[in-house]
Structures are given as structure tokens and as C-alpha cells.
Protein backbone atom coordinates (compact mmCIF):
# COMPACT_ATOMS: atom_id res chain seq x y z
CA MET A 1 28.87 -24.81 11.22
CA ALA A 2 30.47 -21.84 9.69
CA THR A 3 30.53 -17.99 10.28
CA HIS A 4 29.20 -14.71 8.67
CA SER A 5 31.38 -11.92 9.10
CA ALA A 6 29.15 -8.90 10.15
CA GLN A 7 28.32 -5.76 7.85
CA HIS A 8 28.25 -3.31 11.07
CA VAL A 9 31.76 -3.85 12.68
CA GLY A 10 32.81 -0.62 14.58
CA GLN A 11 29.60 1.54 12.81
CA GLU A 12 28.12 3.65 15.50
CA CYS A 13 24.63 4.18 15.86
CA ARG A 14 23.37 7.06 15.37
CA THR A 15 19.51 6.69 15.96
CA GLY A 16 18.45 8.10 18.65
CA ALA A 17 15.72 6.85 20.93
CA PRO A 18 13.05 8.43 22.32
CA PRO A 19 14.07 10.08 25.51
CA VAL A 20 13.78 7.77 28.80
CA ASP A 21 12.50 9.70 32.32
CA LYS A 22 14.49 7.42 34.56
CA SER A 23 12.91 9.71 37.39
CA SER A 24 9.78 7.82 37.23
CA GLY A 25 11.74 4.71 38.90
CA THR A 26 10.48 2.03 36.08
CA SER A 27 13.06 -0.51 35.12
CA ASP A 28 11.51 -0.77 31.55
CA ALA A 29 14.38 0.84 29.93
CA ILE A 30 17.81 -1.48 28.49
CA GLN A 31 20.54 -0.33 27.06
CA LEU A 32 21.58 -2.26 24.07
CA SER A 33 24.80 -3.87 23.40
CA TYR A 34 26.74 -6.49 21.18
CA ALA A 35 29.90 -6.99 19.94
CA GLY A 36 30.72 -4.44 16.70
CA SER A 37 27.90 -2.30 17.96
CA GLU A 38 28.68 1.49 19.71
CA CYS A 39 24.84 1.95 19.93
CA SER A 40 23.87 4.02 22.87
CA VAL A 41 20.81 3.70 22.28
CA VAL A 42 18.68 3.05 25.93
CA ALA A 43 14.74 2.02 25.58
CA ASN A 44 12.17 -0.08 26.42
CA ILE A 45 11.69 -3.64 24.46
CA PRO A 46 9.97 -3.16 21.88
CA PHE A 47 11.68 0.19 20.50
CA LEU A 48 14.82 -1.97 21.01
CA VAL A 49 13.59 -4.61 18.53
CA ALA A 50 12.55 -2.07 16.22
CA HIS A 51 15.96 -0.36 16.53
CA LEU A 52 17.56 -3.90 15.95
CA ARG A 53 15.33 -4.56 12.65
CA ASP A 54 15.64 -1.10 10.98
CA ASP A 55 18.68 0.70 12.18
CA HIS A 56 20.98 -2.22 12.34
CA LYS A 57 19.94 -4.66 9.62
CA VAL A 58 19.77 -7.75 11.93
CA ASP A 59 18.20 -10.95 11.11
CA MET A 60 14.72 -11.44 13.04
CA HIS A 61 13.25 -14.86 13.25
CA SER A 62 9.30 -16.36 14.70
CA GLY A 63 9.75 -19.49 15.80
CA CYS A 64 11.20 -21.43 18.66
CA THR A 65 13.12 -23.48 16.33
CA PHE A 66 15.12 -22.27 13.45
CA ASN A 67 18.04 -23.37 11.77
CA HIS A 68 20.97 -20.54 11.46
CA CYS A 69 23.69 -21.82 8.98
CA TYR A 70 26.95 -19.25 9.28
CA VAL A 71 28.06 -20.81 5.99
CA LYS A 72 31.48 -18.56 4.02
CA SER A 73 32.36 -19.60 0.34
CA ASN A 74 35.83 -19.63 1.63
CA PRO A 75 35.70 -20.99 5.04
CA HIS A 76 39.27 -20.14 6.15
CA GLU A 77 37.77 -16.47 6.12
CA VAL A 78 36.63 -17.74 9.83
CA GLU A 79 39.64 -15.92 10.58
CA ASN A 80 38.66 -12.32 9.91
CA ALA A 81 34.26 -12.78 11.38
CA THR A 82 33.87 -10.98 14.07
CA TRP A 83 29.89 -11.22 15.14
CA LEU A 84 26.34 -11.75 14.42
CA LEU A 85 23.12 -10.95 16.12
CA THR A 86 19.84 -12.71 15.68
CA VAL A 87 16.45 -11.24 16.82
CA PHE A 88 14.14 -14.03 17.34
CA GLN A 89 10.52 -14.29 19.12
CA CYS A 90 9.35 -17.33 20.84
CA PHE A 91 6.32 -17.85 23.66
CA GLY A 92 5.68 -14.07 22.92
CA HIS A 93 9.44 -12.48 23.85
CA TYR A 94 12.43 -11.94 21.92
CA PHE A 95 16.00 -13.14 22.36
CA CYS A 96 19.12 -12.95 21.21
CA LEU A 97 21.35 -14.68 19.52
CA HIS A 98 25.00 -13.65 18.98
CA PHE A 99 27.89 -15.54 17.66
CA GLU A 100 31.62 -14.05 18.11
CA ALA A 101 34.55 -14.78 17.37
CA PHE A 102 37.48 -14.05 19.51
CA GLN A 103 40.50 -15.27 21.52
CA LEU A 104 40.31 -17.42 24.74
CA GLY A 105 43.86 -16.73 25.79
CA VAL A 106 45.97 -17.43 23.14
CA ALA A 107 43.26 -19.36 21.23
CA PRO A 108 41.09 -18.20 18.89
CA VAL A 109 37.25 -19.11 19.38
CA CYS A 110 33.94 -18.84 18.53
CA MET A 111 31.05 -18.80 20.74
CA ALA A 112 27.61 -18.43 20.56
CA PHE A 113 24.75 -17.62 23.49
CA VAL A 114 21.20 -16.68 23.84
CA ARG A 115 20.27 -13.49 25.93
CA PHE A 116 16.67 -12.78 26.51
CA LEU A 117 15.14 -9.19 26.36
CA GLY A 118 13.35 -8.72 29.40
CA ASP A 119 15.25 -8.64 33.35
CA ASP A 120 16.76 -11.25 34.78
CA VAL A 121 14.54 -12.73 36.82
CA GLU A 122 12.32 -13.36 33.65
CA ALA A 123 15.16 -14.96 32.18
CA GLN A 124 15.65 -17.74 34.52
CA SER A 125 12.12 -18.99 33.21
CA PHE A 126 13.29 -19.94 30.02
CA SER A 127 15.79 -22.59 28.52
CA TYR A 128 17.36 -23.12 25.36
CA SER A 129 19.84 -25.51 23.29
CA LEU A 130 22.35 -24.97 20.75
CA GLU A 131 23.51 -27.38 18.32
CA VAL A 132 26.56 -26.82 16.01
CA GLY A 133 27.19 -30.00 13.84
CA GLY A 134 28.43 -31.03 9.91
CA ASP A 135 30.15 -34.50 8.68
CA ARG A 136 27.36 -36.77 11.07
CA ARG A 137 29.16 -34.89 14.31
CA LYS A 138 27.78 -32.07 16.67
CA LEU A 139 28.14 -30.10 19.91
CA THR A 140 25.25 -29.67 21.48
CA TRP A 141 24.93 -26.41 24.71
CA GLU A 142 22.13 -26.39 26.73
CA GLY A 143 21.30 -23.57 29.39
CA MET A 144 19.44 -20.36 30.51
CA PRO A 145 19.49 -16.97 28.46
CA ARG A 146 20.59 -14.34 30.20
CA SER A 147 19.41 -10.78 30.14
CA ILE A 148 20.02 -8.01 27.73
CA CYS A 149 20.51 -6.18 31.12
CA ASP A 150 23.90 -8.35 30.93
CA GLY A 151 26.22 -6.60 28.80
CA HIS A 152 27.17 -8.97 25.65
CA ARG A 153 30.96 -8.78 27.36
CA ILE A 154 29.54 -10.43 30.89
CA VAL A 155 28.03 -12.90 28.98
CA ARG A 156 31.44 -13.87 26.68
CA ASP A 157 33.72 -13.59 29.44
CA SER A 158 31.83 -15.84 31.62
CA HIS A 159 31.96 -18.37 28.96
CA ASP A 160 28.13 -19.00 29.45
CA GLY A 161 27.66 -20.04 25.72
CA LEU A 162 28.93 -22.73 23.26
CA ILE A 163 32.30 -22.03 22.78
CA ILE A 164 34.05 -23.99 19.89
CA PRO A 165 37.89 -23.85 18.91
CA ARG A 166 37.98 -21.92 15.56
CA GLU A 167 39.32 -25.34 13.62
CA MET A 168 36.65 -26.85 14.86
CA ALA A 169 34.55 -24.28 13.07
CA LEU A 170 36.60 -24.54 9.92
CA PHE A 171 35.41 -27.93 9.89
CA PHE A 172 32.15 -27.76 10.32
CA SER A 173 32.16 -24.82 7.50
CA GLN A 174 34.19 -27.45 5.28
CA GLU A 175 31.25 -29.77 5.81
CA GLU A 176 28.80 -27.13 4.09
CA THR A 177 31.20 -25.85 1.27
CA GLY A 178 32.93 -29.30 0.30
CA ARG A 179 36.35 -30.54 2.28
CA SER A 180 39.64 -28.70 0.77
């Protein structure tokens, strides 16, 4: 396990979504939020997915199982990694895999979690498993995805995901790049 530095850190999104009529009483308009983005787009799920793919250039995957390797050529650069977002389609729905590095108290950590692109009630019908490993060791987190309606900070600050101390992320990184 290693991390990936994002290319959009601090970038403000300038792409406007089609106007959303909030007076109609429908709740299919969702605010997009994730670490490293100042995006203020409020739109329906299909527009958000296209917006993330086309304007934010996030990684896209299809399928319910995939391996995503966050490896840096210099694993000590994990200190500078801040976030990564991957969108994947599974069971006809979209999910966001978040990876974020931050300080938990005084400890530098990395956290991975999944959000469902839809409402909280529908999110509760899914579960997920994240596994991080290397050198014949692994950590596993099993959980229920949070809705995209919960901002990434709410999920991160509630610690609802796989939290890995930075030193352990370095350990897994070194497995992929060769011990130093």
C-alpha cells in the first residue's frame, strides 16, 4: 500500500452544472465534495459522474472487485500525499473510493473509505470491504458505504473507514518498490 499525490489539490472547479430546480421538491440534486476540491457543483448522479470523469479526471472503474495500487517511486513521498478519489460502477450504481492523508491528533495517518452516489437509505443496502497489504501482511476494513450526501469531512472525522498510520503506509509502499 502506498499513496498517490493528487494533481488537483486546491484546484477550484469552474465547470457549471445545469441549473437545479430546488423548488420542485425532488432530492436528486447532490452537492459534490471531496478532499482537495473546491467544487461547488450541485447536480444529479449522472451529471456528477460525468463531471468527475471529464473535469476532475478521476480514475474510473467498472466492476465490484478491483485492485488499486497507490505506489510512489519514493515511498517517503507519502508525507506529501493528500488525497485520491476513484469512482467505480458496481451493481448498476456508482461509488467513490476516497483515500486521504491527514493528521489524527498528532499522528499522521492515511484513511480509505467508500461513499455511495445516492441517498442514505439506499446506501444502507450495500456493504464493502477494503484490504491493504504487503509483505504477507494485510489489514481489512468491512463497512457500509456512507451516502455522498454526507460530506467527505463528516465521514473522515467520524473515522468511518480504514485508518492506517503513515509508518505502516510506508511499510507497505516499500514492499511494492523494494526495501530501502
